[in-house]
Amino acid sequence: MNDDSFYTSDADSQFVLSYELISLLRWLMDHDEDKLKKIVSHALSSGLHEELQRDSTVVDTNELEEIQESIIDFFGILEAIFLEAMHEHAVKKALEKNLMPSIDQIDSTVCDNATVRFSVEKATSDIEKKPEEDPKDLLFKELLRRWKPDKKSVLN
C-alpha cells in the first residue's frame, strides 16, 4: 500500500480506495458483522438517532459537499488506522521471528524506512510460508529486492 492509495480528484469528484482498504472492509463484513452492529447501535444510542431526526430531508449543495468530505475523512481515518495496525503487526511478527537484531543492523542513511518496513512485512509473511529458511536471509534478500540506491550516494 502506498501513501497515495486514498485520494480525491477535484476534477471528477471521485476518490479511490486501496485494495488493502477494500479487503479490510470485506473482512469486517464477513468476519465481524456483530462488532459492526454494535458500533452502529452505539452510534444510534449516543446521539446519531436524534441527529438524523433533526436533519431535514432537503439537502443543499453545501451539505452534499460536507457529506462527501465526511466520507473522505472516514476512509482517510480508517486507512490511517489500518496502516498503523499493519505496521504494529509487522513489528510484532518481526519480534516473534527474532528479526530485530537484523533490522538494527540496517543503515538508515542508506535504506529508507518505507523500504525497510515493506521488506520486514514481506519477509515475515515469507517466513510463515517457508519456516525452514533462515529469517535473517529472507529479510536481507527482500531488502535487496526493494532497495533502490541513490545514484548520488558515495556508497554505490
N, C-alpha and C. Protein backbone atom coordinates (compact mmCIF):
# COMPACT_ATOMS: atom_id res chain seq x y z
N MET A 1 0.86 -1.17 0.00
CA MET A 1 0.00 0.00 0.00
C MET A 1 0.90 1.22 0.00
N ASN A 2 0.65 2.13 -0.89
CA ASN A 2 1.47 3.31 -0.95
C ASN A 2 0.76 4.49 -0.29
N ASP A 3 1.52 5.58 -0.15
CA ASP A 3 0.99 6.73 0.59
C ASP A 3 -0.16 7.42 -0.12
N ASP A 4 -0.26 7.28 -1.46
CA ASP A 4 -1.33 7.95 -2.18
C ASP A 4 -2.42 6.98 -2.61
N SER A 5 -2.61 5.91 -1.86
CA SER A 5 -3.61 4.92 -2.23
C SER A 5 -5.03 5.43 -2.01
N PHE A 6 -5.20 6.47 -1.23
CA PHE A 6 -6.51 7.06 -0.99
C PHE A 6 -6.38 8.54 -1.29
N TYR A 7 -7.10 9.01 -2.27
CA TYR A 7 -7.01 10.42 -2.62
C TYR A 7 -8.31 10.89 -3.25
N THR A 8 -8.44 12.21 -3.32
CA THR A 8 -9.60 12.78 -4.01
C THR A 8 -9.12 13.40 -5.30
N SER A 9 -9.98 13.41 -6.24
CA SER A 9 -9.69 14.06 -7.52
C SER A 9 -10.73 15.15 -7.71
N ASP A 10 -10.31 16.39 -7.56
CA ASP A 10 -11.24 17.51 -7.64
C ASP A 10 -11.90 17.62 -9.00
N ALA A 11 -11.23 17.17 -10.05
CA ALA A 11 -11.76 17.31 -11.40
C ALA A 11 -13.04 16.51 -11.59
N ASP A 12 -13.10 15.31 -11.05
CA ASP A 12 -14.29 14.50 -11.27
C ASP A 12 -14.98 14.08 -9.97
N SER A 13 -14.58 14.63 -8.85
CA SER A 13 -15.20 14.39 -7.55
C SER A 13 -15.29 12.90 -7.21
N GLN A 14 -14.22 12.17 -7.49
CA GLN A 14 -14.16 10.76 -7.16
C GLN A 14 -12.99 10.52 -6.22
N PHE A 15 -13.08 9.44 -5.49
CA PHE A 15 -11.94 9.03 -4.69
C PHE A 15 -11.68 7.56 -4.93
N VAL A 16 -10.46 7.15 -4.61
CA VAL A 16 -10.04 5.78 -4.88
C VAL A 16 -9.66 5.16 -3.55
N LEU A 17 -10.11 3.92 -3.36
CA LEU A 17 -9.74 3.17 -2.17
C LEU A 17 -8.69 2.14 -2.54
N SER A 18 -7.71 1.95 -1.69
CA SER A 18 -6.68 0.96 -1.96
C SER A 18 -7.27 -0.45 -1.88
N TYR A 19 -6.61 -1.36 -2.52
CA TYR A 19 -7.04 -2.77 -2.48
C TYR A 19 -7.05 -3.26 -1.03
N GLU A 20 -6.05 -2.86 -0.27
CA GLU A 20 -5.96 -3.30 1.13
C GLU A 20 -7.14 -2.79 1.95
N LEU A 21 -7.54 -1.55 1.71
CA LEU A 21 -8.66 -0.99 2.46
C LEU A 21 -9.97 -1.68 2.07
N ILE A 22 -10.14 -1.96 0.80
CA ILE A 22 -11.33 -2.69 0.36
C ILE A 22 -11.34 -4.10 0.96
N SER A 23 -10.17 -4.72 1.02
CA SER A 23 -10.06 -6.06 1.63
C SER A 23 -10.43 -6.00 3.11
N LEU A 24 -10.00 -4.94 3.79
CA LEU A 24 -10.36 -4.77 5.20
C LEU A 24 -11.87 -4.65 5.36
N LEU A 25 -12.50 -3.84 4.52
CA LEU A 25 -13.96 -3.68 4.61
C LEU A 25 -14.67 -5.00 4.36
N ARG A 26 -14.20 -5.74 3.37
CA ARG A 26 -14.81 -7.05 3.07
C ARG A 26 -14.62 -7.99 4.27
N TRP A 27 -13.43 -7.97 4.86
CA TRP A 27 -13.14 -8.82 6.02
C TRP A 27 -14.07 -8.48 7.18
N LEU A 28 -14.23 -7.20 7.43
CA LEU A 28 -15.11 -6.77 8.53
C LEU A 28 -16.54 -7.23 8.29
N MET A 29 -17.01 -7.12 7.05
CA MET A 29 -18.38 -7.57 6.74
C MET A 29 -18.51 -9.08 6.91
N ASP A 30 -17.50 -9.82 6.49
CA ASP A 30 -17.58 -11.28 6.53
C ASP A 30 -17.31 -11.87 7.91
N HIS A 31 -16.44 -11.22 8.70
CA HIS A 31 -15.99 -11.83 9.95
C HIS A 31 -16.36 -11.07 11.21
N ASP A 32 -16.71 -9.81 11.10
CA ASP A 32 -17.00 -9.01 12.29
C ASP A 32 -18.33 -8.27 12.18
N GLU A 33 -19.32 -8.91 11.58
CA GLU A 33 -20.61 -8.27 11.41
C GLU A 33 -21.23 -7.90 12.77
N ASP A 34 -21.08 -8.76 13.76
CA ASP A 34 -21.62 -8.47 15.09
C ASP A 34 -20.99 -7.22 15.69
N LYS A 35 -19.67 -7.07 15.52
CA LYS A 35 -18.99 -5.89 16.05
C LYS A 35 -19.45 -4.63 15.31
N LEU A 36 -19.66 -4.74 13.99
CA LEU A 36 -20.17 -3.60 13.23
C LEU A 36 -21.57 -3.21 13.71
N LYS A 37 -22.41 -4.21 14.01
CA LYS A 37 -23.75 -3.93 14.53
C LYS A 37 -23.65 -3.20 15.87
N LYS A 38 -22.72 -3.61 16.71
CA LYS A 38 -22.54 -2.95 18.00
C LYS A 38 -22.09 -1.51 17.82
N ILE A 39 -21.21 -1.25 16.86
CA ILE A 39 -20.76 0.11 16.58
C ILE A 39 -21.95 0.97 16.13
N VAL A 40 -22.76 0.44 15.23
CA VAL A 40 -23.93 1.17 14.74
C VAL A 40 -24.92 1.41 15.87
N SER A 41 -25.19 0.39 16.68
CA SER A 41 -26.12 0.54 17.81
C SER A 41 -25.61 1.58 18.79
N HIS A 42 -24.30 1.56 19.05
CA HIS A 42 -23.71 2.54 19.97
C HIS A 42 -23.87 3.96 19.40
N ALA A 43 -23.64 4.12 18.09
CA ALA A 43 -23.79 5.43 17.47
C ALA A 43 -25.22 5.93 17.58
N LEU A 44 -26.18 5.04 17.34
CA LEU A 44 -27.59 5.44 17.43
C LEU A 44 -27.96 5.84 18.85
N SER A 45 -27.50 5.08 19.82
CA SER A 45 -27.85 5.39 21.21
C SER A 45 -27.05 6.57 21.77
N SER A 46 -25.97 6.94 21.11
CA SER A 46 -25.13 8.06 21.57
C SER A 46 -25.46 9.38 20.90
N GLY A 47 -26.58 9.43 20.17
CA GLY A 47 -26.99 10.72 19.61
C GLY A 47 -27.20 10.74 18.12
N LEU A 48 -26.78 9.71 17.41
CA LEU A 48 -26.97 9.70 15.96
C LEU A 48 -28.45 9.70 15.60
N HIS A 49 -29.25 8.95 16.33
CA HIS A 49 -30.68 8.88 16.04
C HIS A 49 -31.32 10.26 16.13
N GLU A 50 -31.00 11.00 17.19
CA GLU A 50 -31.56 12.34 17.37
C GLU A 50 -31.08 13.27 16.25
N GLU A 51 -29.81 13.13 15.87
CA GLU A 51 -29.26 13.97 14.81
C GLU A 51 -29.97 13.70 13.49
N LEU A 52 -30.25 12.44 13.21
CA LEU A 52 -30.96 12.09 11.99
C LEU A 52 -32.39 12.62 12.01
N GLN A 53 -33.04 12.61 13.17
CA GLN A 53 -34.39 13.12 13.31
C GLN A 53 -34.43 14.63 13.06
N ARG A 54 -33.39 15.33 13.49
CA ARG A 54 -33.30 16.78 13.38
C ARG A 54 -33.07 17.24 11.95
N ASP A 55 -32.25 16.49 11.21
CA ASP A 55 -31.90 16.89 9.85
C ASP A 55 -33.11 16.84 8.93
N SER A 56 -33.16 17.83 8.05
CA SER A 56 -34.26 17.86 7.08
C SER A 56 -33.96 16.91 5.93
N THR A 57 -34.99 16.57 5.19
CA THR A 57 -34.82 15.67 4.06
C THR A 57 -34.30 16.40 2.83
N VAL A 58 -34.39 17.73 2.81
CA VAL A 58 -33.88 18.51 1.69
C VAL A 58 -32.39 18.76 1.93
N VAL A 59 -31.60 18.44 0.93
CA VAL A 59 -30.15 18.58 1.07
C VAL A 59 -29.67 19.61 0.04
N ASP A 60 -28.99 20.64 0.53
CA ASP A 60 -28.47 21.63 -0.41
C ASP A 60 -27.03 21.28 -0.82
N THR A 61 -26.48 22.07 -1.71
CA THR A 61 -25.15 21.81 -2.27
C THR A 61 -24.07 21.80 -1.19
N ASN A 62 -24.14 22.70 -0.24
CA ASN A 62 -23.15 22.75 0.84
C ASN A 62 -23.18 21.47 1.67
N GLU A 63 -24.38 20.97 1.93
CA GLU A 63 -24.50 19.74 2.70
C GLU A 63 -23.95 18.55 1.91
N LEU A 64 -24.13 18.53 0.60
CA LEU A 64 -23.58 17.46 -0.22
C LEU A 64 -22.06 17.45 -0.15
N GLU A 65 -21.47 18.63 -0.21
CA GLU A 65 -20.02 18.74 -0.10
C GLU A 65 -19.56 18.27 1.28
N GLU A 66 -20.31 18.65 2.31
CA GLU A 66 -19.98 18.23 3.67
C GLU A 66 -20.10 16.71 3.83
N ILE A 67 -21.12 16.13 3.21
CA ILE A 67 -21.30 14.67 3.25
C ILE A 67 -20.13 13.99 2.56
N GLN A 68 -19.74 14.52 1.39
CA GLN A 68 -18.61 13.94 0.66
C GLN A 68 -17.33 14.05 1.48
N GLU A 69 -17.11 15.20 2.10
CA GLU A 69 -15.93 15.37 2.94
C GLU A 69 -15.96 14.41 4.13
N SER A 70 -17.13 14.16 4.69
CA SER A 70 -17.25 13.22 5.80
C SER A 70 -16.86 11.80 5.36
N ILE A 71 -17.30 11.42 4.18
CA ILE A 71 -16.96 10.09 3.66
C ILE A 71 -15.45 10.00 3.44
N ILE A 72 -14.89 11.03 2.85
CA ILE A 72 -13.45 11.05 2.59
C ILE A 72 -12.69 11.02 3.91
N ASP A 73 -13.12 11.80 4.89
CA ASP A 73 -12.47 11.79 6.21
C ASP A 73 -12.56 10.42 6.86
N PHE A 74 -13.73 9.78 6.78
CA PHE A 74 -13.91 8.46 7.37
C PHE A 74 -12.92 7.46 6.78
N PHE A 75 -12.87 7.40 5.45
CA PHE A 75 -11.97 6.44 4.82
C PHE A 75 -10.51 6.81 5.04
N GLY A 76 -10.23 8.10 5.13
CA GLY A 76 -8.86 8.53 5.44
C GLY A 76 -8.43 8.07 6.82
N ILE A 77 -9.31 8.24 7.79
CA ILE A 77 -9.01 7.79 9.16
C ILE A 77 -8.91 6.28 9.22
N LEU A 78 -9.84 5.60 8.54
CA LEU A 78 -9.82 4.14 8.52
C LEU A 78 -8.51 3.63 7.92
N GLU A 79 -8.06 4.25 6.84
CA GLU A 79 -6.82 3.81 6.22
C GLU A 79 -5.62 4.10 7.13
N ALA A 80 -5.61 5.25 7.80
CA ALA A 80 -4.52 5.57 8.72
C ALA A 80 -4.46 4.56 9.87
N ILE A 81 -5.62 4.21 10.41
CA ILE A 81 -5.67 3.20 11.47
C ILE A 81 -5.20 1.86 10.95
N PHE A 82 -5.61 1.52 9.73
CA PHE A 82 -5.22 0.26 9.12
C PHE A 82 -3.70 0.20 8.89
N LEU A 83 -3.12 1.28 8.38
CA LEU A 83 -1.67 1.31 8.16
C LEU A 83 -0.91 1.18 9.48
N GLU A 84 -1.40 1.86 10.50
CA GLU A 84 -0.76 1.76 11.81
C GLU A 84 -0.84 0.33 12.36
N ALA A 85 -2.00 -0.29 12.20
CA ALA A 85 -2.18 -1.66 12.68
C ALA A 85 -1.31 -2.63 11.88
N MET A 86 -1.18 -2.40 10.57
CA MET A 86 -0.31 -3.25 9.76
C MET A 86 1.14 -3.13 10.20
N HIS A 87 1.56 -1.90 10.49
CA HIS A 87 2.93 -1.69 10.96
C HIS A 87 3.15 -2.38 12.31
N GLU A 88 2.21 -2.23 13.22
CA GLU A 88 2.32 -2.89 14.53
C GLU A 88 2.35 -4.41 14.37
N HIS A 89 1.56 -4.93 13.44
CA HIS A 89 1.53 -6.37 13.18
C HIS A 89 2.89 -6.84 12.65
N ALA A 90 3.47 -6.06 11.73
CA ALA A 90 4.78 -6.42 11.17
C ALA A 90 5.86 -6.40 12.25
N VAL A 91 5.81 -5.40 13.12
CA VAL A 91 6.79 -5.32 14.21
C VAL A 91 6.63 -6.52 15.15
N LYS A 92 5.39 -6.85 15.46
CA LYS A 92 5.13 -8.00 16.34
C LYS A 92 5.67 -9.28 15.71
N LYS A 93 5.41 -9.47 14.41
CA LYS A 93 5.91 -10.66 13.72
C LYS A 93 7.44 -10.67 13.68
N ALA A 94 8.03 -9.50 13.46
CA ALA A 94 9.49 -9.41 13.44
C ALA A 94 10.07 -9.78 14.80
N LEU A 95 9.42 -9.34 15.86
CA LEU A 95 9.88 -9.69 17.20
C LEU A 95 9.75 -11.19 17.44
N GLU A 96 8.62 -11.76 17.00
CA GLU A 96 8.40 -13.20 17.17
C GLU A 96 9.45 -14.01 16.43
N LYS A 97 9.88 -13.53 15.28
CA LYS A 97 10.85 -14.27 14.46
C LYS A 97 12.28 -13.84 14.74
N ASN A 98 12.49 -13.06 15.79
CA ASN A 98 13.82 -12.60 16.19
C ASN A 98 14.55 -11.85 15.09
N LEU A 99 13.83 -10.99 14.37
CA LEU A 99 14.43 -10.21 13.30
C LEU A 99 14.95 -8.85 13.77
N MET A 100 14.63 -8.45 14.97
CA MET A 100 15.01 -7.11 15.42
C MET A 100 16.52 -6.89 15.39
N PRO A 101 17.34 -7.85 15.82
CA PRO A 101 18.79 -7.61 15.71
C PRO A 101 19.22 -7.39 14.25
N SER A 102 18.61 -8.11 13.33
CA SER A 102 18.94 -7.93 11.91
C SER A 102 18.48 -6.56 11.41
N ILE A 103 17.30 -6.14 11.84
CA ILE A 103 16.77 -4.84 11.43
C ILE A 103 17.66 -3.72 11.98
N ASP A 104 18.16 -3.89 13.20
CA ASP A 104 19.03 -2.89 13.80
C ASP A 104 20.33 -2.72 13.04
N GLN A 105 20.75 -3.73 12.28
CA GLN A 105 21.99 -3.66 11.50
C GLN A 105 21.84 -2.83 10.23
N ILE A 106 20.63 -2.53 9.82
CA ILE A 106 20.38 -1.80 8.57
C ILE A 106 20.69 -0.33 8.77
N ASP A 107 21.51 0.22 7.91
CA ASP A 107 21.90 1.63 7.98
C ASP A 107 20.77 2.48 7.42
N SER A 108 20.16 3.30 8.26
CA SER A 108 19.01 4.11 7.84
C SER A 108 19.42 5.24 6.90
N THR A 109 20.69 5.55 6.81
CA THR A 109 21.12 6.58 5.87
C THR A 109 21.20 6.03 4.45
N VAL A 110 21.27 4.72 4.32
CA VAL A 110 21.38 4.08 3.02
C VAL A 110 20.03 3.57 2.54
N CYS A 111 19.22 3.09 3.45
CA CYS A 111 17.95 2.47 3.10
C CYS A 111 16.83 3.17 3.88
N ASP A 112 15.84 3.69 3.16
CA ASP A 112 14.78 4.46 3.81
C ASP A 112 13.83 3.56 4.63
N ASN A 113 13.10 4.18 5.52
CA ASN A 113 12.21 3.45 6.43
C ASN A 113 11.11 2.69 5.71
N ALA A 114 10.56 3.25 4.64
CA ALA A 114 9.49 2.57 3.91
C ALA A 114 9.99 1.27 3.30
N THR A 115 11.19 1.30 2.74
CA THR A 115 11.77 0.08 2.15
C THR A 115 11.98 -0.97 3.23
N VAL A 116 12.49 -0.55 4.38
CA VAL A 116 12.71 -1.49 5.48
C VAL A 116 11.37 -2.05 5.95
N ARG A 117 10.38 -1.18 6.12
CA ARG A 117 9.07 -1.62 6.61
C ARG A 117 8.44 -2.64 5.66
N PHE A 118 8.41 -2.33 4.36
CA PHE A 118 7.82 -3.26 3.40
C PHE A 118 8.61 -4.56 3.32
N SER A 119 9.93 -4.46 3.45
CA SER A 119 10.76 -5.67 3.42
C SER A 119 10.50 -6.55 4.63
N VAL A 120 10.34 -5.94 5.79
CA VAL A 120 10.04 -6.70 7.01
C VAL A 120 8.68 -7.37 6.87
N GLU A 121 7.68 -6.63 6.36
CA GLU A 121 6.34 -7.22 6.18
C GLU A 121 6.39 -8.41 5.24
N LYS A 122 7.09 -8.27 4.12
CA LYS A 122 7.17 -9.36 3.14
C LYS A 122 7.97 -10.53 3.71
N ALA A 123 9.07 -10.24 4.39
CA ALA A 123 9.90 -11.30 4.96
C ALA A 123 9.14 -12.08 6.03
N THR A 124 8.38 -11.39 6.86
CA THR A 124 7.64 -12.11 7.91
C THR A 124 6.56 -12.99 7.31
N SER A 125 5.95 -12.56 6.22
CA SER A 125 4.96 -13.44 5.58
C SER A 125 5.66 -14.60 4.89
N ASP A 126 6.84 -14.37 4.33
CA ASP A 126 7.61 -15.45 3.70
C ASP A 126 8.10 -16.46 4.74
N ILE A 127 8.42 -15.98 5.92
CA ILE A 127 8.90 -16.87 7.00
C ILE A 127 7.81 -17.86 7.37
N GLU A 128 6.57 -17.39 7.39
CA GLU A 128 5.45 -18.29 7.71
C GLU A 128 5.25 -19.34 6.62
N LYS A 129 5.52 -18.96 5.36
CA LYS A 129 5.36 -19.89 4.25
C LYS A 129 6.55 -20.84 4.12
N LYS A 130 7.74 -20.36 4.51
CA LYS A 130 8.97 -21.15 4.38
C LYS A 130 9.70 -21.20 5.73
N PRO A 131 9.15 -21.91 6.71
CA PRO A 131 9.75 -21.91 8.05
C PRO A 131 11.15 -22.53 8.11
N GLU A 132 11.52 -23.31 7.07
CA GLU A 132 12.83 -23.96 7.08
C GLU A 132 13.96 -23.00 6.72
N GLU A 133 13.64 -21.85 6.11
CA GLU A 133 14.66 -20.89 5.70
C GLU A 133 15.02 -19.96 6.85
N ASP A 134 16.23 -19.44 6.78
CA ASP A 134 16.74 -18.53 7.80
C ASP A 134 16.01 -17.19 7.70
N PRO A 135 15.34 -16.74 8.77
CA PRO A 135 14.60 -15.46 8.74
C PRO A 135 15.48 -14.28 8.35
N LYS A 136 16.72 -14.26 8.85
CA LYS A 136 17.63 -13.16 8.54
C LYS A 136 17.93 -13.12 7.04
N ASP A 137 18.15 -14.28 6.43
CA ASP A 137 18.41 -14.33 4.98
C ASP A 137 17.20 -13.86 4.19
N LEU A 138 16.01 -14.29 4.60
CA LEU A 138 14.80 -13.86 3.91
C LEU A 138 14.63 -12.34 3.98
N LEU A 139 14.92 -11.77 5.14
CA LEU A 139 14.80 -10.33 5.32
C LEU A 139 15.78 -9.60 4.40
N PHE A 140 17.05 -10.02 4.42
CA PHE A 140 18.04 -9.31 3.63
C PHE A 140 17.82 -9.51 2.13
N LYS A 141 17.34 -10.67 1.71
CA LYS A 141 17.02 -10.87 0.29
C LYS A 141 15.89 -9.93 -0.14
N GLU A 142 14.87 -9.82 0.70
CA GLU A 142 13.75 -8.94 0.39
C GLU A 142 14.19 -7.48 0.39
N LEU A 143 15.05 -7.13 1.31
CA LEU A 143 15.58 -5.77 1.38
C LEU A 143 16.36 -5.44 0.11
N LEU A 144 17.16 -6.36 -0.36
CA LEU A 144 17.91 -6.13 -1.60
C LEU A 144 16.98 -6.01 -2.81
N ARG A 145 15.89 -6.78 -2.82
CA ARG A 145 14.93 -6.69 -3.92
C ARG A 145 14.28 -5.32 -3.99
N ARG A 146 13.99 -4.74 -2.84
CA ARG A 146 13.25 -3.48 -2.79
C ARG A 146 14.14 -2.24 -2.78
N TRP A 147 15.40 -2.41 -2.44
CA TRP A 147 16.31 -1.27 -2.28
C TRP A 147 16.60 -0.64 -3.62
N LYS A 148 16.43 0.66 -3.71
CA LYS A 148 16.74 1.42 -4.92
C LYS A 148 17.75 2.48 -4.52
N PRO A 149 19.03 2.17 -4.70
CA PRO A 149 20.07 3.11 -4.25
C PRO A 149 20.03 4.43 -5.00
N ASP A 150 20.43 5.46 -4.32
CA ASP A 150 20.51 6.79 -4.90
C ASP A 150 21.81 6.89 -5.67
N LYS A 151 21.74 7.32 -6.90
CA LYS A 151 22.94 7.39 -7.75
C LYS A 151 23.97 8.38 -7.23
N LYS A 152 23.53 9.33 -6.44
CA LYS A 152 24.44 10.34 -5.92
C LYS A 152 25.21 9.86 -4.70
N SER A 153 24.80 8.75 -4.12
CA SER A 153 25.43 8.26 -2.90
C SER A 153 26.84 7.75 -3.17
N VAL A 154 27.74 8.07 -2.28
CA VAL A 154 29.13 7.66 -2.39
C VAL A 154 29.24 6.14 -2.20
N LEU A 155 28.33 5.55 -1.43
CA LEU A 155 28.38 4.12 -1.12
C LEU A 155 28.12 3.24 -2.34
N ASN A 156 27.56 3.79 -3.38
CA ASN A 156 27.22 2.99 -4.57
C ASN A 156 28.38 2.95 -5.49
